[in-house]
Amino acid sequence: QDPSVEDIVSRPESSWTKGDLENLVTTYAIQEVVPAHLKEVQSFRLPLIDKTEAAVVEPLCANL
Protein backbone atom coordinates (compact mmCIF):
# COMPACT_ATOMS: atom_id res chain seq x y z
CA GLN A 1 0.00 0.00 0.00
CA ASP A 2 1.19 3.50 -0.82
CA PRO A 3 2.04 5.80 2.09
CA SER A 4 -0.48 8.46 2.98
CA VAL A 5 0.15 12.14 2.40
CA GLU A 6 0.62 12.59 6.13
CA ASP A 7 3.27 9.83 6.16
CA ILE A 8 5.18 11.48 3.34
CA VAL A 9 4.96 15.00 4.79
CA SER A 10 6.12 13.80 8.21
CA ARG A 11 9.39 12.40 6.81
CA PRO A 12 12.57 14.45 7.47
CA GLU A 13 13.25 14.98 3.76
CA SER A 14 9.86 16.68 3.46
CA SER A 15 10.65 19.29 6.10
CA TRP A 16 10.87 22.00 3.41
CA THR A 17 7.08 21.72 2.97
CA LYS A 18 6.47 23.01 6.50
CA GLY A 19 7.94 26.48 5.95
CA ASP A 20 6.63 29.38 3.95
CA LEU A 21 6.20 27.36 0.79
CA GLU A 22 4.66 30.20 -1.23
CA ASN A 23 7.65 32.45 -0.48
CA LEU A 24 10.06 29.64 -1.31
CA VAL A 25 8.38 28.98 -4.66
CA THR A 26 8.17 32.69 -5.50
CA THR A 27 11.84 33.21 -4.71
CA TYR A 28 12.82 30.21 -6.83
CA ALA A 29 10.72 31.46 -9.74
CA ILE A 30 12.21 34.95 -9.56
CA GLN A 31 15.79 33.69 -9.32
CA GLU A 32 15.68 30.72 -11.68
CA VAL A 33 12.60 30.36 -13.86
CA VAL A 34 11.98 33.96 -14.95
CA PRO A 35 15.57 34.73 -16.05
CA ALA A 36 15.76 31.45 -18.00
CA HIS A 37 12.42 32.14 -19.69
CA LEU A 38 13.39 35.72 -20.51
CA LYS A 39 16.65 34.56 -22.08
CA GLU A 40 14.80 31.95 -24.14
CA VAL A 41 12.18 34.43 -25.38
CA GLN A 42 14.75 37.13 -26.13
CA SER A 43 16.82 34.70 -28.20
CA PHE A 44 14.10 34.37 -30.83
CA ARG A 45 12.07 37.57 -30.35
CA LEU A 46 14.84 40.16 -30.61
CA PRO A 47 15.95 39.01 -34.09
CA LEU A 48 12.29 39.10 -35.22
CA ILE A 49 11.89 42.61 -33.84
CA ASP A 50 15.06 43.75 -35.63
CA LYS A 51 13.84 42.18 -38.87
CA THR A 52 10.43 43.83 -38.56
CA GLU A 53 11.98 47.20 -37.78
CA ALA A 54 14.25 46.96 -40.82
CA ALA A 55 11.30 46.00 -43.04
CA VAL A 56 9.36 49.06 -41.87
CA VAL A 57 12.23 51.58 -41.91
CA GLU A 58 13.70 50.57 -45.27
CA PRO A 59 10.70 51.59 -47.42
CA LEU A 60 10.30 54.81 -45.45
CA CYS A 61 13.93 55.77 -46.00
CA ALA A 62 13.79 54.81 -49.70
CA ASN A 63 11.25 57.55 -50.33
CA LEU A 64 13.45 60.30 -48.87
PDB file of N, CA and C in Angstrom:
ATOM      1  N   GLN A   1       0.849  -1.189   0.000  1.00  0.00           N
ATOM      2  CA  GLN A   1       0.000   0.000   0.000  1.00  0.00           C
ATOM      3  C   GLN A   1       0.889   1.245   0.000  1.00  0.00           C
ATOM      4  N   ASP A   2       0.456   2.241  -0.743  1.00  0.00           N
ATOM      5  CA  ASP A   2       1.193   3.497  -0.818  1.00  0.00           C
ATOM      6  C   ASP A   2       1.068   4.252   0.499  1.00  0.00           C
ATOM      7  N   PRO A   3       2.113   4.999   0.858  1.00  0.00           N
ATOM      8  CA  PRO A   3       2.041   5.797   2.085  1.00  0.00           C
ATOM      9  C   PRO A   3       1.038   6.947   1.917  1.00  0.00           C
ATOM     10  N   SER A   4       0.470   7.353   3.016  1.00  0.00           N
ATOM     11  CA  SER A   4      -0.482   8.465   2.978  1.00  0.00           C
ATOM     12  C   SER A   4       0.278   9.782   2.826  1.00  0.00           C
ATOM     13  N   VAL A   5      -0.443  10.817   2.507  1.00  0.00           N
ATOM     14  CA  VAL A   5       0.151  12.142   2.396  1.00  0.00           C
ATOM     15  C   VAL A   5       0.785  12.528   3.722  1.00  0.00           C
ATOM     16  N   GLU A   6       0.106  12.251   4.805  1.00  0.00           N
ATOM     17  CA  GLU A   6       0.623  12.587   6.131  1.00  0.00           C
ATOM     18  C   GLU A   6       1.936  11.869   6.405  1.00  0.00           C
ATOM     19  N   ASP A   7       2.030  10.588   5.980  1.00  0.00           N
ATOM     20  CA  ASP A   7       3.269   9.831   6.160  1.00  0.00           C
ATOM     21  C   ASP A   7       4.424  10.466   5.382  1.00  0.00           C
ATOM     22  N   ILE A   8       4.141  10.872   4.177  1.00  0.00           N
ATOM     23  CA  ILE A   8       5.183  11.475   3.340  1.00  0.00           C
ATOM     24  C   ILE A   8       5.614  12.816   3.900  1.00  0.00           C
ATOM     25  N   VAL A   9       4.663  13.656   4.279  1.00  0.00           N
ATOM     26  CA  VAL A   9       4.963  14.995   4.787  1.00  0.00           C
ATOM     27  C   VAL A   9       5.697  14.929   6.126  1.00  0.00           C
ATOM     28  N   SER A  10       5.469  13.895   6.899  1.00  0.00           N
ATOM     29  CA  SER A  10       6.118  13.798   8.207  1.00  0.00           C
ATOM     30  C   SER A  10       7.565  13.308   8.123  1.00  0.00           C
ATOM     31  N   ARG A  11       8.008  12.881   6.967  1.00  0.00           N
ATOM     32  CA  ARG A  11       9.387  12.402   6.807  1.00  0.00           C
ATOM     33  C   ARG A  11      10.362  13.579   6.852  1.00  0.00           C
ATOM     34  N   PRO A  12      11.583  13.366   7.349  1.00  0.00           N
ATOM     35  CA  PRO A  12      12.566  14.454   7.468  1.00  0.00           C
ATOM     36  C   PRO A  12      12.873  15.143   6.134  1.00  0.00           C
ATOM     37  N   GLU A  13      12.928  14.374   5.052  1.00  0.00           N
ATOM     38  CA  GLU A  13      13.252  14.976   3.756  1.00  0.00           C
ATOM     39  C   GLU A  13      12.124  15.853   3.204  1.00  0.00           C
ATOM     40  N   SER A  14      10.989  15.823   3.859  1.00  0.00           N
ATOM     41  CA  SER A  14       9.862  16.675   3.458  1.00  0.00           C
ATOM     42  C   SER A  14       9.736  17.905   4.339  1.00  0.00           C
ATOM     43  N   SER A  15      10.739  18.179   5.156  1.00  0.00           N
ATOM     44  CA  SER A  15      10.653  19.294   6.097  1.00  0.00           C
ATOM     45  C   SER A  15      10.496  20.647   5.393  1.00  0.00           C
ATOM     46  N   TRP A  16      10.987  20.740   4.149  1.00  0.00           N
ATOM     47  CA  TRP A  16      10.875  22.002   3.411  1.00  0.00           C
ATOM     48  C   TRP A  16       9.418  22.379   3.146  1.00  0.00           C
ATOM     49  N   THR A  17       8.501  21.433   3.225  1.00  0.00           N
ATOM     50  CA  THR A  17       7.081  21.722   2.971  1.00  0.00           C
ATOM     51  C   THR A  17       6.414  22.398   4.164  1.00  0.00           C
ATOM     52  N   LYS A  18       7.078  22.439   5.295  1.00  0.00           N
ATOM     53  CA  LYS A  18       6.469  23.009   6.498  1.00  0.00           C
ATOM     54  C   LYS A  18       6.712  24.514   6.637  1.00  0.00           C
ATOM     55  N   GLY A  19       7.626  25.056   5.862  1.00  0.00           N
ATOM     56  CA  GLY A  19       7.942  26.483   5.948  1.00  0.00           C
ATOM     57  C   GLY A  19       6.976  27.306   5.113  1.00  0.00           C
ATOM     58  N   ASP A  20       7.415  28.482   4.781  1.00  0.00           N
ATOM     59  CA  ASP A  20       6.628  29.385   3.953  1.00  0.00           C
ATOM     60  C   ASP A  20       6.816  28.953   2.497  1.00  0.00           C
ATOM     61  N   LEU A  21       6.046  27.971   2.096  1.00  0.00           N
ATOM     62  CA  LEU A  21       6.204  27.359   0.787  1.00  0.00           C
ATOM     63  C   LEU A  21       5.945  28.353  -0.345  1.00  0.00           C
ATOM     64  N   GLU A  22       4.961  29.213  -0.191  1.00  0.00           N
ATOM     65  CA  GLU A  22       4.664  30.199  -1.234  1.00  0.00           C
ATOM     66  C   GLU A  22       5.858  31.129  -1.445  1.00  0.00           C
ATOM     67  N   ASN A  23       6.471  31.582  -0.377  1.00  0.00           N
ATOM     68  CA  ASN A  23       7.647  32.445  -0.482  1.00  0.00           C
ATOM     69  C   ASN A  23       8.813  31.705  -1.117  1.00  0.00           C
ATOM     70  N   LEU A  24       8.995  30.457  -0.752  1.00  0.00           N
ATOM     71  CA  LEU A  24      10.063  29.637  -1.310  1.00  0.00           C
ATOM     72  C   LEU A  24       9.885  29.472  -2.818  1.00  0.00           C
ATOM     73  N   VAL A  25       8.673  29.174  -3.238  1.00  0.00           N
ATOM     74  CA  VAL A  25       8.380  28.984  -4.657  1.00  0.00           C
ATOM     75  C   VAL A  25       8.534  30.295  -5.421  1.00  0.00           C
ATOM     76  N   THR A  26       8.050  31.387  -4.851  1.00  0.00           N
ATOM     77  CA  THR A  26       8.165  32.690  -5.499  1.00  0.00           C
ATOM     78  C   THR A  26       9.624  33.082  -5.671  1.00  0.00           C
ATOM     79  N   THR A  27      10.411  32.894  -4.640  1.00  0.00           N
ATOM     80  CA  THR A  27      11.836  33.212  -4.710  1.00  0.00           C
ATOM     81  C   THR A  27      12.523  32.370  -5.775  1.00  0.00           C
ATOM     82  N   TYR A  28      12.219  31.092  -5.821  1.00  0.00           N
ATOM     83  CA  TYR A  28      12.815  30.211  -6.832  1.00  0.00           C
ATOM     84  C   TYR A  28      12.433  30.677  -8.238  1.00  0.00           C
ATOM     85  N   ALA A  29      11.176  31.011  -8.428  1.00  0.00           N
ATOM     86  CA  ALA A  29      10.723  31.462  -9.744  1.00  0.00           C
ATOM     87  C   ALA A  29      11.437  32.738 -10.166  1.00  0.00           C
ATOM     88  N   ILE A  30      11.557  33.677  -9.254  1.00  0.00           N
ATOM     89  CA  ILE A  30      12.211  34.950  -9.563  1.00  0.00           C
ATOM     90  C   ILE A  30      13.691  34.747  -9.881  1.00  0.00           C
ATOM     91  N   GLN A  31      14.348  33.878  -9.148  1.00  0.00           N
ATOM     92  CA  GLN A  31      15.786  33.693  -9.317  1.00  0.00           C
ATOM     93  C   GLN A  31      16.155  32.743 -10.456  1.00  0.00           C
ATOM     94  N   GLU A  32      15.311  31.766 -10.725  1.00  0.00           N
ATOM     95  CA  GLU A  32      15.683  30.720 -11.681  1.00  0.00           C
ATOM     96  C   GLU A  32      14.802  30.681 -12.935  1.00  0.00           C
ATOM     97  N   VAL A  33      13.507  30.609 -12.750  1.00  0.00           N
ATOM     98  CA  VAL A  33      12.595  30.363 -13.865  1.00  0.00           C
ATOM     99  C   VAL A  33      12.448  31.591 -14.755  1.00  0.00           C
ATOM    100  N   VAL A  34      12.212  32.740 -14.165  1.00  0.00           N
ATOM    101  CA  VAL A  34      11.979  33.959 -14.947  1.00  0.00           C
ATOM    102  C   VAL A  34      13.207  34.339 -15.781  1.00  0.00           C
ATOM    103  N   PRO A  35      14.406  34.389 -15.215  1.00  0.00           N
ATOM    104  CA  PRO A  35      15.565  34.729 -16.048  1.00  0.00           C
ATOM    105  C   PRO A  35      15.781  33.734 -17.201  1.00  0.00           C
ATOM    106  N   ALA A  36      15.589  32.455 -16.944  1.00  0.00           N
ATOM    107  CA  ALA A  36      15.757  31.454 -17.999  1.00  0.00           C
ATOM    108  C   ALA A  36      14.718  31.647 -19.100  1.00  0.00           C
ATOM    109  N   HIS A  37      13.482  31.920 -18.707  1.00  0.00           N
ATOM    110  CA  HIS A  37      12.416  32.138 -19.689  1.00  0.00           C
ATOM    111  C   HIS A  37      12.679  33.413 -20.492  1.00  0.00           C
ATOM    112  N   LEU A  38      13.087  34.463 -19.824  1.00  0.00           N
ATOM    113  CA  LEU A  38      13.391  35.725 -20.506  1.00  0.00           C
ATOM    114  C   LEU A  38      14.500  35.519 -21.538  1.00  0.00           C
ATOM    115  N   LYS A  39      15.541  34.818 -21.163  1.00  0.00           N
ATOM    116  CA  LYS A  39      16.655  34.557 -22.084  1.00  0.00           C
ATOM    117  C   LYS A  39      16.168  33.768 -23.299  1.00  0.00           C
ATOM    118  N   GLU A  40      15.327  32.776 -23.055  1.00  0.00           N
ATOM    119  CA  GLU A  40      14.795  31.954 -24.144  1.00  0.00           C
ATOM    120  C   GLU A  40      13.946  32.793 -25.101  1.00  0.00           C
ATOM    121  N   VAL A  41      13.060  33.601 -24.552  1.00  0.00           N
ATOM    122  CA  VAL A  41      12.182  34.426 -25.376  1.00  0.00           C
ATOM    123  C   VAL A  41      12.989  35.474 -26.137  1.00  0.00           C
ATOM    124  N   GLN A  42      13.931  36.114 -25.477  1.00  0.00           N
ATOM    125  CA  GLN A  42      14.753  37.126 -26.134  1.00  0.00           C
ATOM    126  C   GLN A  42      15.545  36.539 -27.295  1.00  0.00           C
ATOM    127  N   SER A  43      15.980  35.308 -27.168  1.00  0.00           N
ATOM    128  CA  SER A  43      16.824  34.702 -28.201  1.00  0.00           C
ATOM    129  C   SER A  43      16.111  34.590 -29.541  1.00  0.00           C
ATOM    130  N   PHE A  44      14.788  34.438 -29.543  1.00  0.00           N
ATOM    131  CA  PHE A  44      14.102  34.374 -30.830  1.00  0.00           C
ATOM    132  C   PHE A  44      13.257  35.611 -31.122  1.00  0.00           C
ATOM    133  N   ARG A  45      12.881  36.373 -30.114  1.00  0.00           N
ATOM    134  CA  ARG A  45      12.066  37.568 -30.348  1.00  0.00           C
ATOM    135  C   ARG A  45      12.879  38.766 -30.823  1.00  0.00           C
ATOM    136  N   LEU A  46      14.039  38.993 -30.234  1.00  0.00           N
ATOM    137  CA  LEU A  46      14.841  40.161 -30.612  1.00  0.00           C
ATOM    138  C   LEU A  46      15.233  40.153 -32.091  1.00  0.00           C
ATOM    139  N   PRO A  47      15.672  39.017 -32.644  1.00  0.00           N
ATOM    140  CA  PRO A  47      15.949  39.012 -34.086  1.00  0.00           C
ATOM    141  C   PRO A  47      14.691  39.303 -34.925  1.00  0.00           C
ATOM    142  N   LEU A  48      13.535  38.815 -34.495  1.00  0.00           N
ATOM    143  CA  LEU A  48      12.295  39.102 -35.221  1.00  0.00           C
ATOM    144  C   LEU A  48      11.937  40.585 -35.146  1.00  0.00           C
ATOM    145  N   ILE A  49      12.162  41.172 -34.006  1.00  0.00           N
ATOM    146  CA  ILE A  49      11.893  42.610 -33.839  1.00  0.00           C
ATOM    147  C   ILE A  49      12.821  43.417 -34.738  1.00  0.00           C
ATOM    148  N   ASP A  50      14.094  43.049 -34.763  1.00  0.00           N
ATOM    149  CA  ASP A  50      15.057  43.752 -35.626  1.00  0.00           C
ATOM    150  C   ASP A  50      14.660  43.620 -37.099  1.00  0.00           C
ATOM    151  N   LYS A  51      14.248  42.430 -37.489  1.00  0.00           N
ATOM    152  CA  LYS A  51      13.838  42.179 -38.873  1.00  0.00           C
ATOM    153  C   LYS A  51      12.604  43.011 -39.234  1.00  0.00           C
ATOM    154  N   THR A  52      11.648  43.052 -38.333  1.00  0.00           N
ATOM    155  CA  THR A  52      10.428  43.833 -38.561  1.00  0.00           C
ATOM    156  C   THR A  52      10.751  45.313 -38.655  1.00  0.00           C
ATOM    157  N   GLU A  53      11.588  45.795 -37.757  1.00  0.00           N
ATOM    158  CA  GLU A  53      11.976  47.202 -37.775  1.00  0.00           C
ATOM    159  C   GLU A  53      12.649  47.562 -39.099  1.00  0.00           C
ATOM    160  N   ALA A  54      13.552  46.713 -39.554  1.00  0.00           N
ATOM    161  CA  ALA A  54      14.247  46.962 -40.823  1.00  0.00           C
ATOM    162  C   ALA A  54      13.265  46.968 -41.987  1.00  0.00           C
ATOM    163  N   ALA A  55      12.281  46.069 -41.960  1.00  0.00           N
ATOM    164  CA  ALA A  55      11.296  46.002 -43.035  1.00  0.00           C
ATOM    165  C   ALA A  55      10.403  47.235 -43.067  1.00  0.00           C
ATOM    166  N   VAL A  56      10.188  47.849 -41.934  1.00  0.00           N
ATOM    167  CA  VAL A  56       9.361  49.063 -41.870  1.00  0.00           C
ATOM    168  C   VAL A  56      10.188  50.293 -42.230  1.00  0.00           C
ATOM    169  N   VAL A  57      11.393  50.391 -41.711  1.00  0.00           N
ATOM    170  CA  VAL A  57      12.227  51.579 -41.908  1.00  0.00           C
ATOM    171  C   VAL A  57      12.746  51.671 -43.343  1.00  0.00           C
ATOM    172  N   GLU A  58      13.109  50.551 -43.925  1.00  0.00           N
ATOM    173  CA  GLU A  58      13.699  50.567 -45.270  1.00  0.00           C
ATOM    174  C   GLU A  58      12.809  51.243 -46.323  1.00  0.00           C
ATOM    175  N   PRO A  59      11.531  50.894 -46.443  1.00  0.00           N
ATOM    176  CA  PRO A  59      10.699  51.587 -47.424  1.00  0.00           C
ATOM    177  C   PRO A  59      10.506  53.080 -47.096  1.00  0.00           C
ATOM    178  N   LEU A  60      10.469  53.405 -45.826  1.00  0.00           N
ATOM    179  CA  LEU A  60      10.299  54.806 -45.446  1.00  0.00           C
ATOM    180  C   LEU A  60      11.519  55.624 -45.855  1.00  0.00           C
ATOM    181  N   CYS A  61      12.705  55.060 -45.657  1.00  0.00           N
ATOM    182  CA  CYS A  61      13.931  55.766 -46.002  1.00  0.00           C
ATOM    183  C   CYS A  61      14.154  55.808 -47.508  1.00  0.00           C
ATOM    184  N   ALA A  62      13.625  54.851 -48.244  1.00  0.00           N
ATOM    185  CA  ALA A  62      13.795  54.806 -49.697  1.00  0.00           C
ATOM    186  C   ALA A  62      13.076  55.957 -50.372  1.00  0.00           C
ATOM    187  N   ASN A  63      12.034  56.472 -49.749  1.00  0.00           N
ATOM    188  CA  ASN A  63      11.246  57.552 -50.328  1.00  0.00           C
ATOM    189  C   ASN A  63      11.810  58.933 -49.991  1.00  0.00           C
ATOM    190  N   LEU A  64      12.887  58.995 -49.241  1.00  0.00           N
ATOM    191  CA  LEU A  64      13.452  60.301 -48.875  1.00  0.00           C
ATOM    192  C   LEU A  64      14.346  60.847 -49.943  1.00  0.00           C
TER     193      LEU A  64
END
